[in-house]
Amino acid sequence: MKRYLLIATLCLAVPAYGQQAASDHSGHSPAPAKAKAQSALADGEVRKVDRDAKKITLRHGPIPSLDMPPMTMVYQVKDPVLLDRVKVGDKVKFDAEKVGSNYAITRIESAK
């Protein structure tokens, strides 16, 4: 009789122990998002600068961070001061990000 009681106890205890170990972690908060990794800057050439509209037209190579092929495209600039650093014909390195359904230049510098 003691043997059956021991086996029954083990049969109930082992699955309960396993269930506790396989918790779904629903009480845990998600890990904080990591800061945007420093991505490689894309190469481009300034084709047009529109300070009034806060836009710049760039002919650029591929932008891997945005999965974008080479093209000529008009971008908004996140900070209008960025437009003071460039002029038509300049070779530049830049970073862009998707903002809603558009793209915005977040950093631009001379390619040197």
C-alpha atoms as a PDB file:
ATOM      1  CA  MET A   1       0.000   0.000   0.000  1.00  0.00           C
ATOM      2  CA  LYS A   2       2.818   2.384   0.855  1.00  0.00           C
ATOM      3  CA  ARG A   3       4.382   1.666  -2.517  1.00  0.00           C
ATOM      4  CA  TYR A   4       1.182   2.693  -4.381  1.00  0.00           C
ATOM      5  CA  LEU A   5       0.903   5.831  -2.278  1.00  0.00           C
ATOM      6  CA  LEU A   6       4.529   6.735  -3.079  1.00  0.00           C
ATOM      7  CA  ILE A   7       4.011   6.126  -6.823  1.00  0.00           C
ATOM      8  CA  ALA A   8       0.796   8.182  -6.832  1.00  0.00           C
ATOM      9  CA  THR A   9       2.532  11.037  -5.013  1.00  0.00           C
ATOM     10  CA  LEU A  10       5.413  11.016  -7.490  1.00  0.00           C
ATOM     11  CA  CYS A  11       3.020  10.898 -10.446  1.00  0.00           C
ATOM     12  CA  LEU A  12       1.318  14.041  -9.175  1.00  0.00           C
ATOM     13  CA  ALA A  13       4.425  15.887  -7.988  1.00  0.00           C
ATOM     14  CA  VAL A  14       6.659  15.496 -11.050  1.00  0.00           C
ATOM     15  CA  PRO A  15       4.237  17.105 -13.586  1.00  0.00           C
ATOM     16  CA  ALA A  16       3.484  19.920 -11.131  1.00  0.00           C
ATOM     17  CA  TYR A  17       7.207  20.606 -10.756  1.00  0.00           C
ATOM     18  CA  GLY A  18       7.651  20.618 -14.548  1.00  0.00           C
ATOM     19  CA  GLN A  19       4.678  22.946 -14.997  1.00  0.00           C
ATOM     20  CA  GLN A  20       6.168  25.469 -12.618  1.00  0.00           C
ATOM     21  CA  ALA A  21       9.501  25.398 -14.460  1.00  0.00           C
ATOM     22  CA  ALA A  22       7.813  26.064 -17.816  1.00  0.00           C
ATOM     23  CA  SER A  23       6.303  29.367 -16.730  1.00  0.00           C
ATOM     24  CA  ASP A  24       5.128  31.700 -19.510  1.00  0.00           C
ATOM     25  CA  HIS A  25       6.839  34.706 -17.899  1.00  0.00           C
ATOM     26  CA  SER A  26       3.694  36.799 -18.262  1.00  0.00           C
ATOM     27  CA  GLY A  27       4.553  38.679 -15.100  1.00  0.00           C
ATOM     28  CA  HIS A  28       7.837  39.919 -16.533  1.00  0.00           C
ATOM     29  CA  SER A  29       8.107  43.192 -18.388  1.00  0.00           C
ATOM     30  CA  PRO A  30       9.811  43.158 -21.794  1.00  0.00           C
ATOM     31  CA  ALA A  31      13.476  44.018 -22.057  1.00  0.00           C
ATOM     32  CA  PRO A  32      14.100  47.677 -22.844  1.00  0.00           C
ATOM     33  CA  ALA A  33      14.655  48.458 -26.503  1.00  0.00           C
ATOM     34  CA  LYS A  34      18.291  48.849 -27.393  1.00  0.00           C
ATOM     35  CA  ALA A  35      19.458  52.180 -28.691  1.00  0.00           C
ATOM     36  CA  LYS A  36      19.705  52.335 -32.451  1.00  0.00           C
ATOM     37  CA  ALA A  37      22.970  50.745 -33.418  1.00  0.00           C
ATOM     38  CA  GLN A  38      25.405  53.012 -35.163  1.00  0.00           C
ATOM     39  CA  SER A  39      24.733  52.148 -38.781  1.00  0.00           C
ATOM     40  CA  ALA A  40      27.113  52.714 -41.641  1.00  0.00           C
ATOM     41  CA  LEU A  41      26.482  56.005 -43.373  1.00  0.00           C
ATOM     42  CA  ALA A  42      25.230  55.876 -46.957  1.00  0.00           C
ATOM     43  CA  ASP A  43      27.078  57.630 -49.788  1.00  0.00           C
ATOM     44  CA  GLY A  44      25.311  60.242 -51.855  1.00  0.00           C
ATOM     45  CA  GLU A  45      25.507  63.383 -53.947  1.00  0.00           C
ATOM     46  CA  VAL A  46      23.430  66.498 -53.298  1.00  0.00           C
ATOM     47  CA  ARG A  47      21.255  67.276 -56.326  1.00  0.00           C
ATOM     48  CA  LYS A  48      18.993  69.976 -54.849  1.00  0.00           C
ATOM     49  CA  VAL A  49      18.536  71.814 -51.544  1.00  0.00           C
ATOM     50  CA  ASP A  50      15.138  73.358 -50.693  1.00  0.00           C
ATOM     51  CA  ARG A  51      15.553  75.224 -47.417  1.00  0.00           C
ATOM     52  CA  ASP A  52      11.995  76.624 -47.444  1.00  0.00           C
ATOM     53  CA  ALA A  53      10.448  73.149 -47.681  1.00  0.00           C
ATOM     54  CA  LYS A  54      13.159  71.599 -45.448  1.00  0.00           C
ATOM     55  CA  LYS A  55      13.958  69.030 -48.141  1.00  0.00           C
ATOM     56  CA  ILE A  56      17.029  67.730 -49.919  1.00  0.00           C
ATOM     57  CA  THR A  57      17.332  65.688 -53.102  1.00  0.00           C
ATOM     58  CA  LEU A  58      20.080  63.075 -52.985  1.00  0.00           C
ATOM     59  CA  ARG A  59      21.404  60.648 -55.568  1.00  0.00           C
ATOM     60  CA  HIS A  60      22.628  57.803 -53.403  1.00  0.00           C
ATOM     61  CA  GLY A  61      23.944  54.277 -53.296  1.00  0.00           C
ATOM     62  CA  PRO A  62      22.220  51.446 -51.447  1.00  0.00           C
ATOM     63  CA  ILE A  63      21.038  52.093 -47.888  1.00  0.00           C
ATOM     64  CA  PRO A  64      21.164  48.671 -46.172  1.00  0.00           C
ATOM     65  CA  SER A  65      19.580  49.903 -42.927  1.00  0.00           C
ATOM     66  CA  LEU A  66      16.445  50.866 -44.893  1.00  0.00           C
ATOM     67  CA  ASP A  67      16.697  48.016 -47.431  1.00  0.00           C
ATOM     68  CA  MET A  68      16.760  50.685 -50.152  1.00  0.00           C
ATOM     69  CA  PRO A  69      18.485  50.310 -53.537  1.00  0.00           C
ATOM     70  CA  PRO A  70      20.458  53.119 -55.221  1.00  0.00           C
ATOM     71  CA  MET A  71      18.240  55.937 -56.496  1.00  0.00           C
ATOM     72  CA  THR A  72      17.649  59.675 -56.570  1.00  0.00           C
ATOM     73  CA  MET A  73      15.124  60.717 -53.957  1.00  0.00           C
ATOM     74  CA  VAL A  74      13.758  63.748 -52.111  1.00  0.00           C
ATOM     75  CA  TYR A  75      14.097  63.558 -48.326  1.00  0.00           C
ATOM     76  CA  GLN A  76      12.788  65.641 -45.468  1.00  0.00           C
ATOM     77  CA  VAL A  77      15.444  66.692 -42.968  1.00  0.00           C
ATOM     78  CA  LYS A  78      14.903  66.150 -39.277  1.00  0.00           C
ATOM     79  CA  ASP A  79      16.783  69.355 -38.434  1.00  0.00           C
ATOM     80  CA  PRO A  80      16.804  72.215 -40.999  1.00  0.00           C
ATOM     81  CA  VAL A  81      20.316  73.190 -39.817  1.00  0.00           C
ATOM     82  CA  LEU A  82      21.566  70.098 -41.682  1.00  0.00           C
ATOM     83  CA  LEU A  83      20.835  71.889 -44.963  1.00  0.00           C
ATOM     84  CA  ASP A  84      23.312  74.660 -44.092  1.00  0.00           C
ATOM     85  CA  ARG A  85      26.153  72.120 -44.203  1.00  0.00           C
ATOM     86  CA  VAL A  86      25.744  71.141 -47.867  1.00  0.00           C
ATOM     87  CA  LYS A  87      25.356  72.556 -51.360  1.00  0.00           C
ATOM     88  CA  VAL A  88      24.434  71.136 -54.761  1.00  0.00           C
ATOM     89  CA  GLY A  89      27.182  68.874 -56.105  1.00  0.00           C
ATOM     90  CA  ASP A  90      28.632  67.949 -52.695  1.00  0.00           C
ATOM     91  CA  LYS A  91      29.546  64.309 -52.125  1.00  0.00           C
ATOM     92  CA  VAL A  92      28.091  63.372 -48.738  1.00  0.00           C
ATOM     93  CA  LYS A  93      27.661  60.587 -46.238  1.00  0.00           C
ATOM     94  CA  PHE A  94      24.285  60.483 -44.539  1.00  0.00           C
ATOM     95  CA  ASP A  95      21.914  58.540 -42.350  1.00  0.00           C
ATOM     96  CA  ALA A  96      18.156  58.391 -42.801  1.00  0.00           C
ATOM     97  CA  GLU A  97      15.229  56.837 -40.993  1.00  0.00           C
ATOM     98  CA  LYS A  98      11.650  56.002 -41.854  1.00  0.00           C
ATOM     99  CA  VAL A  99       9.189  58.489 -40.361  1.00  0.00           C
ATOM    100  CA  GLY A 100       5.626  57.366 -41.005  1.00  0.00           C
ATOM    101  CA  SER A 101       5.403  56.730 -44.741  1.00  0.00           C
ATOM    102  CA  ASN A 102       8.335  59.062 -45.536  1.00  0.00           C
ATOM    103  CA  TYR A 103      12.069  59.115 -44.971  1.00  0.00           C
ATOM    104  CA  ALA A 104      14.041  61.795 -43.159  1.00  0.00           C
ATOM    105  CA  ILE A 105      17.737  62.624 -43.105  1.00  0.00           C
ATOM    106  CA  THR A 106      18.986  62.503 -39.523  1.00  0.00           C
ATOM    107  CA  ARG A 107      22.684  63.131 -40.183  1.00  0.00           C
ATOM    108  CA  ILE A 108      24.680  64.425 -43.128  1.00  0.00           C
ATOM    109  CA  GLU A 109      28.358  65.268 -43.531  1.00  0.00           C
ATOM    110  CA  SER A 110      30.896  65.905 -46.264  1.00  0.00           C
ATOM    111  CA  ALA A 111      32.315  62.699 -47.760  1.00  0.00           C
ATOM    112  CA  LYS A 112      35.891  64.174 -47.736  1.00  0.00           C
END
